[in-house]
Amino acid sequence: MIQTVTIDIINEKALKLLQDLELLQLIRMRKDSSQIPEINWVARYKGAMSKQRLSDIDMQLNELRGG
């Protein structure tokens, strides 16, 4: 039976122990970059900006552009 477990290494000694277990053929280690945590950008920034009228936004953009 194969089980997959994701762990975070916080100490290099733990990595050495895992490598030793791999040498004993008790575990198989692999790097899987596809398991990067997904960030929910909507939830993270929801409410970060206040609602503004379109005319106010246009005016601010014109000021920033120097016009």
PDB file of N, CA and C in Angstrom:
ATOM      1  N   MET A   1       0.845  -1.167   0.000  1.00  0.00           N
ATOM      2  CA  MET A   1       0.000   0.000   0.000  1.00  0.00           C
ATOM      3  C   MET A   1       0.901   1.244   0.000  1.00  0.00           C
ATOM      4  N   ILE A   2       0.633   2.170  -0.912  1.00  0.00           N
ATOM      5  CA  ILE A   2       1.396   3.412  -0.988  1.00  0.00           C
ATOM      6  C   ILE A   2       0.528   4.548  -0.491  1.00  0.00           C
ATOM      7  N   GLN A   3       1.078   5.343   0.413  1.00  0.00           N
ATOM      8  CA  GLN A   3       0.418   6.543   0.921  1.00  0.00           C
ATOM      9  C   GLN A   3       1.309   7.726   0.630  1.00  0.00           C
ATOM     10  N   THR A   4       0.705   8.837   0.271  1.00  0.00           N
ATOM     11  CA  THR A   4       1.457  10.057   0.029  1.00  0.00           C
ATOM     12  C   THR A   4       1.210  11.029   1.168  1.00  0.00           C
ATOM     13  N   VAL A   5       2.300  11.559   1.707  1.00  0.00           N
ATOM     14  CA  VAL A   5       2.229  12.510   2.808  1.00  0.00           C
ATOM     15  C   VAL A   5       3.110  13.698   2.446  1.00  0.00           C
ATOM     16  N   THR A   6       2.610  14.885   2.662  1.00  0.00           N
ATOM     17  CA  THR A   6       3.393  16.094   2.433  1.00  0.00           C
ATOM     18  C   THR A   6       3.864  16.629   3.773  1.00  0.00           C
ATOM     19  N   ILE A   7       5.164  16.913   3.852  1.00  0.00           N
ATOM     20  CA  ILE A   7       5.722  17.423   5.099  1.00  0.00           C
ATOM     21  C   ILE A   7       6.539  18.682   4.806  1.00  0.00           C
ATOM     22  N   ASP A   8       6.712  19.503   5.807  1.00  0.00           N
ATOM     23  CA  ASP A   8       7.584  20.666   5.726  1.00  0.00           C
ATOM     24  C   ASP A   8       8.820  20.388   6.570  1.00  0.00           C
ATOM     25  N   ILE A   9       9.979  20.486   5.950  1.00  0.00           N
ATOM     26  CA  ILE A   9      11.240  20.256   6.654  1.00  0.00           C
ATOM     27  C   ILE A   9      11.628  21.556   7.351  1.00  0.00           C
ATOM     28  N   ILE A  10      11.752  21.522   8.657  1.00  0.00           N
ATOM     29  CA  ILE A  10      12.129  22.726   9.389  1.00  0.00           C
ATOM     30  C   ILE A  10      13.530  22.610   9.996  1.00  0.00           C
ATOM     31  N   ASN A  11      14.142  21.445   9.829  1.00  0.00           N
ATOM     32  CA  ASN A  11      15.484  21.237  10.351  1.00  0.00           C
ATOM     33  C   ASN A  11      16.212  20.286   9.402  1.00  0.00           C
ATOM     34  N   GLU A  12      17.440  20.616   9.069  1.00  0.00           N
ATOM     35  CA  GLU A  12      18.212  19.796   8.135  1.00  0.00           C
ATOM     36  C   GLU A  12      18.438  18.374   8.651  1.00  0.00           C
ATOM     37  N   LYS A  13      18.418  18.196   9.972  1.00  0.00           N
ATOM     38  CA  LYS A  13      18.591  16.851  10.532  1.00  0.00           C
ATOM     39  C   LYS A  13      17.437  15.942  10.116  1.00  0.00           C
ATOM     40  N   ALA A  14      16.245  16.513   9.998  1.00  0.00           N
ATOM     41  CA  ALA A  14      15.083  15.725   9.574  1.00  0.00           C
ATOM     42  C   ALA A  14      15.257  15.261   8.146  1.00  0.00           C
ATOM     43  N   LEU A  15      15.817  16.103   7.300  1.00  0.00           N
ATOM     44  CA  LEU A  15      16.053  15.719   5.910  1.00  0.00           C
ATOM     45  C   LEU A  15      17.040  14.566   5.841  1.00  0.00           C
ATOM     46  N   LYS A  16      18.087  14.610   6.644  1.00  0.00           N
ATOM     47  CA  LYS A  16      19.066  13.520   6.688  1.00  0.00           C
ATOM     48  C   LYS A  16      18.400  12.214   7.126  1.00  0.00           C
ATOM     49  N   LEU A  17      17.525  12.288   8.118  1.00  0.00           N
ATOM     50  CA  LEU A  17      16.817  11.089   8.572  1.00  0.00           C
ATOM     51  C   LEU A  17      15.949  10.509   7.462  1.00  0.00           C
ATOM     52  N   LEU A  18      15.277  11.382   6.739  1.00  0.00           N
ATOM     53  CA  LEU A  18      14.438  10.920   5.629  1.00  0.00           C
ATOM     54  C   LEU A  18      15.274  10.280   4.529  1.00  0.00           C
ATOM     55  N   GLN A  19      16.445  10.852   4.263  1.00  0.00           N
ATOM     56  CA  GLN A  19      17.332  10.264   3.254  1.00  0.00           C
ATOM     57  C   GLN A  19      17.816   8.888   3.695  1.00  0.00           C
ATOM     58  N   ASP A  20      18.078   8.732   4.986  1.00  0.00           N
ATOM     59  CA  ASP A  20      18.466   7.422   5.509  1.00  0.00           C
ATOM     60  C   ASP A  20      17.335   6.410   5.348  1.00  0.00           C
ATOM     61  N   LEU A  21      16.108   6.828   5.596  1.00  0.00           N
ATOM     62  CA  LEU A  21      14.964   5.928   5.406  1.00  0.00           C
ATOM     63  C   LEU A  21      14.808   5.535   3.939  1.00  0.00           C
ATOM     64  N   GLU A  22      15.134   6.455   3.060  1.00  0.00           N
ATOM     65  CA  GLU A  22      15.060   6.159   1.637  1.00  0.00           C
ATOM     66  C   GLU A  22      16.130   5.140   1.246  1.00  0.00           C
ATOM     67  N   LEU A  23      17.322   5.270   1.824  1.00  0.00           N
ATOM     68  CA  LEU A  23      18.388   4.302   1.558  1.00  0.00           C
ATOM     69  C   LEU A  23      18.000   2.901   2.026  1.00  0.00           C
ATOM     70  N   LEU A  24      17.245   2.828   3.101  1.00  0.00           N
ATOM     71  CA  LEU A  24      16.766   1.537   3.604  1.00  0.00           C
ATOM     72  C   LEU A  24      15.554   1.033   2.823  1.00  0.00           C
ATOM     73  N   GLN A  25      15.157   1.787   1.806  1.00  0.00           N
ATOM     74  CA  GLN A  25      14.015   1.477   0.953  1.00  0.00           C
ATOM     75  C   GLN A  25      12.714   1.355   1.740  1.00  0.00           C
ATOM     76  N   LEU A  26      12.593   2.215   2.745  1.00  0.00           N
ATOM     77  CA  LEU A  26      11.362   2.282   3.525  1.00  0.00           C
ATOM     78  C   LEU A  26      10.440   3.373   2.997  1.00  0.00           C
ATOM     79  N   ILE A  27      11.033   4.402   2.421  1.00  0.00           N
ATOM     80  CA  ILE A  27      10.248   5.479   1.825  1.00  0.00           C
ATOM     81  C   ILE A  27      10.877   5.874   0.494  1.00  0.00           C
ATOM     82  N   ARG A  28      10.129   6.615  -0.310  1.00  0.00           N
ATOM     83  CA  ARG A  28      10.646   7.188  -1.555  1.00  0.00           C
ATOM     84  C   ARG A  28      10.366   8.687  -1.497  1.00  0.00           C
ATOM     85  N   MET A  29      11.400   9.473  -1.663  1.00  0.00           N
ATOM     86  CA  MET A  29      11.228  10.920  -1.622  1.00  0.00           C
ATOM     87  C   MET A  29      11.221  11.460  -3.048  1.00  0.00           C
ATOM     88  N   ARG A  30      10.408  12.473  -3.250  1.00  0.00           N
ATOM     89  CA  ARG A  30      10.376  13.157  -4.541  1.00  0.00           C
ATOM     90  C   ARG A  30       9.989  14.603  -4.301  1.00  0.00           C
ATOM     91  N   LYS A  31      10.505  15.446  -5.142  1.00  0.00           N
ATOM     92  CA  LYS A  31      10.138  16.853  -5.066  1.00  0.00           C
ATOM     93  C   LYS A  31       9.002  17.073  -6.035  1.00  0.00           C
ATOM     94  N   ASP A  32       7.932  17.650  -5.553  1.00  0.00           N
ATOM     95  CA  ASP A  32       6.756  17.886  -6.369  1.00  0.00           C
ATOM     96  C   ASP A  32       6.418  19.362  -6.284  1.00  0.00           C
ATOM     97  N   SER A  33       6.845  20.126  -7.284  1.00  0.00           N
ATOM     98  CA  SER A  33       6.619  21.569  -7.249  1.00  0.00           C
ATOM     99  C   SER A  33       5.177  21.934  -7.552  1.00  0.00           C
ATOM    100  N   SER A  34       4.373  20.975  -7.994  1.00  0.00           N
ATOM    101  CA  SER A  34       2.978  21.285  -8.314  1.00  0.00           C
ATOM    102  C   SER A  34       2.128  21.441  -7.068  1.00  0.00           C
ATOM    103  N   GLN A  35       2.684  21.168  -5.905  1.00  0.00           N
ATOM    104  CA  GLN A  35       1.899  21.247  -4.682  1.00  0.00           C
ATOM    105  C   GLN A  35       2.109  22.569  -3.960  1.00  0.00           C
ATOM    106  N   ILE A  36       2.371  23.627  -4.726  1.00  0.00           N
ATOM    107  CA  ILE A  36       2.476  24.960  -4.155  1.00  0.00           C
ATOM    108  C   ILE A  36       1.080  25.384  -3.715  1.00  0.00           C
ATOM    109  N   PRO A  37       0.939  25.856  -2.489  1.00  0.00           N
ATOM    110  CA  PRO A  37      -0.402  26.222  -2.026  1.00  0.00           C
ATOM    111  C   PRO A  37      -1.031  27.294  -2.897  1.00  0.00           C
ATOM    112  N   GLU A  38      -2.289  27.119  -3.194  1.00  0.00           N
ATOM    113  CA  GLU A  38      -3.020  28.063  -4.022  1.00  0.00           C
ATOM    114  C   GLU A  38      -3.514  29.208  -3.146  1.00  0.00           C
ATOM    115  N   ILE A  39      -3.325  30.420  -3.624  1.00  0.00           N
ATOM    116  CA  ILE A  39      -3.728  31.592  -2.859  1.00  0.00           C
ATOM    117  C   ILE A  39      -5.071  32.084  -3.376  1.00  0.00           C
ATOM    118  N   ASN A  40      -5.987  32.286  -2.470  1.00  0.00           N
ATOM    119  CA  ASN A  40      -7.296  32.821  -2.827  1.00  0.00           C
ATOM    120  C   ASN A  40      -7.192  34.342  -2.805  1.00  0.00           C
ATOM    121  N   TRP A  41      -6.847  34.929  -3.966  1.00  0.00           N
ATOM    122  CA  TRP A  41      -6.601  36.364  -4.050  1.00  0.00           C
ATOM    123  C   TRP A  41      -7.853  37.176  -3.752  1.00  0.00           C
ATOM    124  N   VAL A  42      -9.003  36.675  -4.145  1.00  0.00           N
ATOM    125  CA  VAL A  42     -10.244  37.415  -3.909  1.00  0.00           C
ATOM    126  C   VAL A  42     -10.477  37.572  -2.407  1.00  0.00           C
ATOM    127  N   ALA A  43     -10.372  36.488  -1.674  1.00  0.00           N
ATOM    128  CA  ALA A  43     -10.593  36.542  -0.231  1.00  0.00           C
ATOM    129  C   ALA A  43      -9.511  37.369   0.469  1.00  0.00           C
ATOM    130  N   ARG A  44      -8.291  37.289  -0.063  1.00  0.00           N
ATOM    131  CA  ARG A  44      -7.184  37.983   0.575  1.00  0.00           C
ATOM    132  C   ARG A  44      -7.316  39.506   0.476  1.00  0.00           C
ATOM    133  N   TYR A  45      -7.780  39.988  -0.667  1.00  0.00           N
ATOM    134  CA  TYR A  45      -7.828  41.432  -0.883  1.00  0.00           C
ATOM    135  C   TYR A  45      -9.236  42.004  -0.910  1.00  0.00           C
ATOM    136  N   LYS A  46     -10.229  41.206  -0.615  1.00  0.00           N
ATOM    137  CA  LYS A  46     -11.602  41.690  -0.622  1.00  0.00           C
ATOM    138  C   LYS A  46     -11.757  42.796   0.423  1.00  0.00           C
ATOM    139  N   GLY A  47     -12.278  43.915  -0.015  1.00  0.00           N
ATOM    140  CA  GLY A  47     -12.477  45.042   0.882  1.00  0.00           C
ATOM    141  C   GLY A  47     -11.243  45.905   1.067  1.00  0.00           C
ATOM    142  N   ALA A  48     -10.150  45.584   0.364  1.00  0.00           N
ATOM    143  CA  ALA A  48      -8.919  46.355   0.519  1.00  0.00           C
ATOM    144  C   ALA A  48      -9.042  47.734  -0.115  1.00  0.00           C
ATOM    145  N   MET A  49      -9.881  47.850  -1.128  1.00  0.00           N
ATOM    146  CA  MET A  49     -10.089  49.138  -1.782  1.00  0.00           C
ATOM    147  C   MET A  49     -11.529  49.571  -1.583  1.00  0.00           C
ATOM    148  N   SER A  50     -11.681  50.850  -1.337  1.00  0.00           N
ATOM    149  CA  SER A  50     -13.045  51.357  -1.194  1.00  0.00           C
ATOM    150  C   SER A  50     -13.626  51.623  -2.578  1.00  0.00           C
ATOM    151  N   LYS A  51     -14.937  51.567  -2.684  1.00  0.00           N
ATOM    152  CA  LYS A  51     -15.604  51.836  -3.952  1.00  0.00           C
ATOM    153  C   LYS A  51     -15.527  53.320  -4.243  1.00  0.00           C
ATOM    154  N   GLN A  52     -15.233  53.645  -5.521  1.00  0.00           N
ATOM    155  CA  GLN A  52     -15.144  55.034  -5.935  1.00  0.00           C
ATOM    156  C   GLN A  52     -15.943  55.221  -7.217  1.00  0.00           C
ATOM    157  N   ARG A  53     -16.372  56.444  -7.414  1.00  0.00           N
ATOM    158  CA  ARG A  53     -17.051  56.749  -8.666  1.00  0.00           C
ATOM    159  C   ARG A  53     -16.029  56.723  -9.796  1.00  0.00           C
ATOM    160  N   LEU A  54     -16.470  56.370 -10.982  1.00  0.00           N
ATOM    161  CA  LEU A  54     -15.598  56.285 -12.137  1.00  0.00           C
ATOM    162  C   LEU A  54     -14.951  57.630 -12.456  1.00  0.00           C
ATOM    163  N   SER A  55     -15.688  58.697 -12.278  1.00  0.00           N
ATOM    164  CA  SER A  55     -15.131  60.031 -12.553  1.00  0.00           C
ATOM    165  C   SER A  55     -13.975  60.354 -11.602  1.00  0.00           C
ATOM    166  N   ASP A  56     -14.076  59.920 -10.340  1.00  0.00           N
ATOM    167  CA  ASP A  56     -12.989  60.146  -9.377  1.00  0.00           C
ATOM    168  C   ASP A  56     -11.739  59.352  -9.775  1.00  0.00           C
ATOM    169  N   ILE A  57     -11.949  58.127 -10.224  1.00  0.00           N
ATOM    170  CA  ILE A  57     -10.825  57.291 -10.651  1.00  0.00           C
ATOM    171  C   ILE A  57     -10.147  57.908 -11.870  1.00  0.00           C
ATOM    172  N   ASP A  58     -10.930  58.364 -12.838  1.00  0.00           N
ATOM    173  CA  ASP A  58     -10.373  59.014 -14.028  1.00  0.00           C
ATOM    174  C   ASP A  58      -9.563  60.247 -13.645  1.00  0.00           C
ATOM    175  N   MET A  59     -10.077  61.031 -12.709  1.00  0.00           N
ATOM    176  CA  MET A  59      -9.385  62.229 -12.279  1.00  0.00           C
ATOM    177  C   MET A  59      -8.043  61.882 -11.617  1.00  0.00           C
ATOM    178  N   GLN A  60      -8.039  60.863 -10.781  1.00  0.00           N
ATOM    179  CA  GLN A  60      -6.806  60.432 -10.115  1.00  0.00           C
ATOM    180  C   GLN A  60      -5.793  59.927 -11.126  1.00  0.00           C
ATOM    181  N   LEU A  61      -6.253  59.155 -12.111  1.00  0.00           N
ATOM    182  CA  LEU A  61      -5.337  58.649 -13.133  1.00  0.00           C
ATOM    183  C   LEU A  61      -4.743  59.793 -13.947  1.00  0.00           C
ATOM    184  N   ASN A  62      -5.545  60.766 -14.286  1.00  0.00           N
ATOM    185  CA  ASN A  62      -5.030  61.926 -15.025  1.00  0.00           C
ATOM    186  C   ASN A  62      -3.988  62.693 -14.220  1.00  0.00           C
ATOM    187  N   GLU A  63      -4.217  62.821 -12.917  1.00  0.00           N
ATOM    188  CA  GLU A  63      -3.240  63.493 -12.051  1.00  0.00           C
ATOM    189  C   GLU A  63      -1.924  62.718 -12.017  1.00  0.00           C
ATOM    190  N   LEU A  64      -2.023  61.383 -11.905  1.00  0.00           N
ATOM    191  CA  LEU A  64      -0.820  60.565 -11.864  1.00  0.00           C
ATOM    192  C   LEU A  64      -0.034  60.634 -13.171  1.00  0.00           C
ATOM    193  N   ARG A  65      -0.748  60.752 -14.270  1.00  0.00           N
ATOM    194  CA  ARG A  65      -0.113  60.820 -15.585  1.00  0.00           C
ATOM    195  C   ARG A  65       0.436  62.221 -15.871  1.00  0.00           C
ATOM    196  N   GLY A  66       0.185  63.146 -14.987  1.00  0.00           N
ATOM    197  CA  GLY A  66       0.698  64.495 -15.159  1.00  0.00           C
ATOM    198  C   GLY A  66      -0.146  65.354 -16.073  1.00  0.00           C
ATOM    199  N   GLY A  67      -1.416  65.009 -16.192  1.00  0.00           N
ATOM    200  CA  GLY A  67      -2.247  65.760 -17.120  1.00  0.00           C
ATOM    201  C   GLY A  67      -3.315  66.462 -16.488  1.00  0.00           C
TER     202      GLY A  67
END
